[in-house]
N, C-alpha and C. Protein backbone atom coordinates (compact mmCIF):
# COMPACT_ATOMS: atom_id res chain seq x y z
N MET A 1 45.22 54.49 100.86
CA MET A 1 46.42 55.68 99.82
C MET A 1 44.80 56.46 98.09
N LYS A 2 45.61 57.59 98.32
CA LYS A 2 44.62 57.50 97.07
C LYS A 2 45.45 58.37 96.28
N VAL A 3 45.84 57.71 95.31
CA VAL A 3 47.09 58.48 93.74
C VAL A 3 46.37 59.50 93.08
N THR A 4 46.76 60.11 92.62
CA THR A 4 45.82 60.84 91.55
C THR A 4 46.96 61.68 90.52
N ILE A 5 47.10 62.77 89.51
CA ILE A 5 47.48 62.64 89.25
C ILE A 5 47.92 64.76 89.01
N ASN A 6 48.83 65.26 89.61
CA ASN A 6 48.13 66.73 89.42
C ASN A 6 49.47 66.98 88.29
N LEU A 7 48.71 68.44 87.49
CA LEU A 7 48.99 68.56 86.78
C LEU A 7 48.89 70.19 87.07
N ASP A 8 48.31 70.53 87.96
CA ASP A 8 48.15 72.34 88.13
C ASP A 8 49.39 72.94 88.07
N PRO A 9 50.41 72.28 88.64
CA PRO A 9 51.85 73.25 89.28
C PRO A 9 52.80 73.34 88.19
N PHE A 10 52.13 72.89 86.64
CA PHE A 10 52.83 73.17 85.85
C PHE A 10 52.09 73.78 84.54
N TRP A 11 51.16 73.84 85.12
CA TRP A 11 50.06 75.00 83.99
C TRP A 11 49.81 75.89 83.99
N THR A 12 49.77 76.35 82.91
CA THR A 12 49.28 77.76 82.55
C THR A 12 48.53 78.21 81.96
N GLU A 13 48.27 79.53 81.52
CA GLU A 13 46.82 80.14 81.75
C GLU A 13 46.16 79.74 79.72
N ASP A 14 48.27 79.88 79.13
CA ASP A 14 47.64 79.72 78.08
C ASP A 14 47.15 78.21 78.13
N LEU A 15 47.42 77.57 78.52
CA LEU A 15 47.19 75.57 78.47
C LEU A 15 45.70 75.34 78.38
N THR A 16 44.90 75.15 77.26
CA THR A 16 43.37 74.59 77.40
C THR A 16 43.60 72.38 77.43
N ASN A 17 42.52 72.37 77.79
CA ASN A 17 42.51 70.21 78.40
C ASN A 17 43.14 70.06 76.39
N ASP A 18 42.08 71.06 75.54
CA ASP A 18 42.46 70.23 74.33
C ASP A 18 44.18 70.73 72.91
N LYS A 19 44.47 71.57 73.64
CA LYS A 19 45.97 72.29 72.94
C LYS A 19 47.01 71.02 74.19
N VAL A 20 46.49 70.46 75.14
CA VAL A 20 47.30 69.86 75.44
C VAL A 20 47.30 67.97 74.78
N ALA A 21 46.30 68.07 74.95
CA ALA A 21 46.07 67.00 74.70
C ALA A 21 46.16 66.77 72.97
N LYS A 22 46.63 67.62 72.00
CA LYS A 22 46.08 67.20 70.69
C LYS A 22 47.99 66.79 70.47
N ALA A 23 48.60 67.58 72.09
CA ALA A 23 49.76 67.79 71.49
C ALA A 23 50.48 66.30 72.16
N ILE A 24 49.79 66.08 73.03
CA ILE A 24 50.52 64.56 73.74
C ILE A 24 49.93 63.15 72.72
N GLY A 25 48.89 63.82 72.04
CA GLY A 25 47.89 62.42 71.00
C GLY A 25 47.03 61.77 72.04
N VAL A 26 46.40 62.17 72.63
CA VAL A 26 45.53 61.77 73.40
C VAL A 26 44.23 62.05 73.29
N HIS A 27 42.94 61.26 74.36
CA HIS A 27 41.79 62.56 73.94
C HIS A 27 41.84 63.39 74.87
N ILE A 28 40.89 64.21 74.37
CA ILE A 28 40.55 65.31 75.22
C ILE A 28 39.81 65.32 77.10
N ASN A 29 39.31 64.08 76.90
CA ASN A 29 38.32 63.69 78.38
C ASN A 29 39.26 62.97 78.69
N SER A 30 40.79 62.54 78.61
CA SER A 30 42.08 62.00 79.45
C SER A 30 42.45 62.86 80.80
N ILE A 31 42.47 63.89 79.28
CA ILE A 31 42.78 65.74 79.99
C ILE A 31 42.00 65.52 81.33
N SER A 32 40.80 66.03 80.51
CA SER A 32 39.91 67.17 81.72
C SER A 32 40.25 65.74 82.51
N ASN A 33 39.63 64.64 83.20
CA ASN A 33 39.70 64.02 83.72
C ASN A 33 40.98 63.76 84.78
N LEU A 34 41.99 64.09 83.84
CA LEU A 34 43.09 63.97 85.31
C LEU A 34 43.16 65.44 85.35
N ARG A 35 42.82 66.37 85.02
CA ARG A 35 43.10 67.51 85.54
C ARG A 35 41.88 67.60 86.88
N LYS A 36 41.02 67.19 86.93
CA LYS A 36 39.77 66.64 88.56
C LYS A 36 40.04 65.74 89.32
N GLY A 37 40.75 65.35 88.37
CA GLY A 37 40.97 63.71 89.69
C GLY A 37 40.80 63.16 89.61
N ASN A 38 39.72 62.50 88.66
CA ASN A 38 38.42 61.41 88.28
C ASN A 38 39.48 60.73 87.22
N VAL A 39 40.82 59.75 87.55
CA VAL A 39 40.67 58.78 87.33
C VAL A 39 41.59 57.72 88.25
N ASP A 40 41.46 56.25 88.88
CA ASP A 40 42.30 55.57 89.18
C ASP A 40 43.16 54.54 88.62
N ARG A 41 42.79 54.96 86.90
CA ARG A 41 44.31 54.04 86.23
C ARG A 41 44.56 56.06 85.36
N CYS A 42 45.87 54.91 84.83
CA CYS A 42 46.79 55.80 83.65
C CYS A 42 47.56 54.51 82.81
N LYS A 43 47.59 55.54 81.74
CA LYS A 43 48.42 54.69 81.32
C LYS A 43 49.73 55.34 81.23
N LEU A 44 50.84 54.00 81.64
CA LEU A 44 52.19 54.87 81.38
C LEU A 44 52.43 55.94 80.48
N GLU A 45 52.31 55.18 79.83
CA GLU A 45 52.84 56.50 78.04
C GLU A 45 52.17 57.47 78.24
N THR A 46 50.77 57.89 78.57
CA THR A 46 50.78 59.05 78.98
C THR A 46 51.36 60.05 80.57
N LEU A 47 51.39 58.82 80.74
CA LEU A 47 52.08 59.49 81.95
C LEU A 47 53.99 59.91 81.55
N VAL A 48 53.88 59.10 80.81
CA VAL A 48 56.02 59.61 80.05
C VAL A 48 55.59 61.46 79.39
N LYS A 49 54.30 60.72 78.75
CA LYS A 49 53.73 61.61 77.37
C LYS A 49 53.75 63.59 78.05
N LEU A 50 53.25 63.32 79.28
CA LEU A 50 52.14 64.42 80.26
C LEU A 50 54.17 65.35 80.61
N LYS A 51 55.16 64.18 81.14
CA LYS A 51 56.33 64.49 81.96
C LYS A 51 57.06 65.26 80.54
N ASP A 52 56.67 64.59 79.02
CA ASP A 52 57.89 65.24 78.41
C ASP A 52 57.56 66.88 77.97
N PHE A 53 55.59 67.07 77.59
CA PHE A 53 55.06 67.66 77.70
C PHE A 53 55.25 68.83 78.56
N PHE A 54 55.50 68.36 79.67
CA PHE A 54 55.92 70.07 80.82
C PHE A 54 56.50 69.99 80.88
N SER A 55 57.77 69.27 81.11
CA SER A 55 59.36 69.21 81.10
C SER A 55 59.73 70.72 79.63
N GLU A 56 59.49 69.89 78.25
CA GLU A 56 59.32 71.16 77.59
C GLU A 56 58.97 72.77 77.65
N LYS A 57 57.73 72.81 78.57
CA LYS A 57 56.96 73.89 78.37
C LYS A 57 58.03 74.55 80.13
N THR A 58 57.82 73.64 80.73
CA THR A 58 58.18 74.53 81.86
C THR A 58 59.98 74.80 82.41
N GLY A 59 60.98 74.19 80.96
CA GLY A 59 62.34 74.31 80.76
C GLY A 59 63.18 73.45 81.68
N LYS A 60 62.08 72.61 82.74
CA LYS A 60 62.92 71.91 84.18
C LYS A 60 63.07 70.69 83.41
N SER A 61 63.65 69.61 84.03
CA SER A 61 63.59 68.09 83.47
C SER A 61 62.76 67.79 84.58
N LEU A 62 61.70 67.36 84.49
CA LEU A 62 60.57 66.46 85.26
C LEU A 62 61.05 65.36 85.52
N TRP A 63 60.15 65.04 86.66
CA TRP A 63 60.58 63.18 86.98
C TRP A 63 58.52 62.84 87.06
N ILE A 64 58.31 61.19 86.64
CA ILE A 64 56.71 60.91 86.54
C ILE A 64 56.21 61.07 88.37
N GLU A 65 56.79 61.19 89.06
CA GLU A 65 56.74 60.96 90.07
C GLU A 65 56.39 63.23 90.48
N ASP A 66 57.18 63.67 89.62
CA ASP A 66 56.74 65.17 90.03
C ASP A 66 55.13 65.48 89.37
N LEU A 67 54.73 64.73 88.71
CA LEU A 67 53.19 64.48 88.32
C LEU A 67 51.46 63.82 89.31
N ILE A 68 52.63 63.43 89.72
CA ILE A 68 51.44 62.24 91.24
C ILE A 68 51.82 62.88 92.27
N ASN A 69 50.83 62.95 92.89
CA ASN A 69 50.61 63.55 93.97
C ASN A 69 49.75 61.80 94.92
N ILE A 70 50.09 61.88 95.88
CA ILE A 70 49.94 61.06 96.47
C ILE A 70 49.80 60.66 98.33
N GLN A 71 48.48 60.14 98.16
CA GLN A 71 47.88 61.26 100.44
C GLN A 71 47.62 59.55 100.90
N GLU A 72 48.32 59.18 101.82
CA GLU A 72 48.32 57.92 102.22
C GLU A 72 46.99 57.80 103.23
């Protein structure tokens, strides 16, 4: 099983890794690696912050599961 974080459905052209990292208080490399799928673990706090950030950005109520891609 491979589990990754998929931010693509919520990412808009006006966003950069740096903007998102600063908005949620994480290092830019964390966002860069998440977007590339180069992580095998992540802080739960970061997932919650990403969910909240993209919920506000999209105007939709998102769940953490919306950010997770599971391949069996």
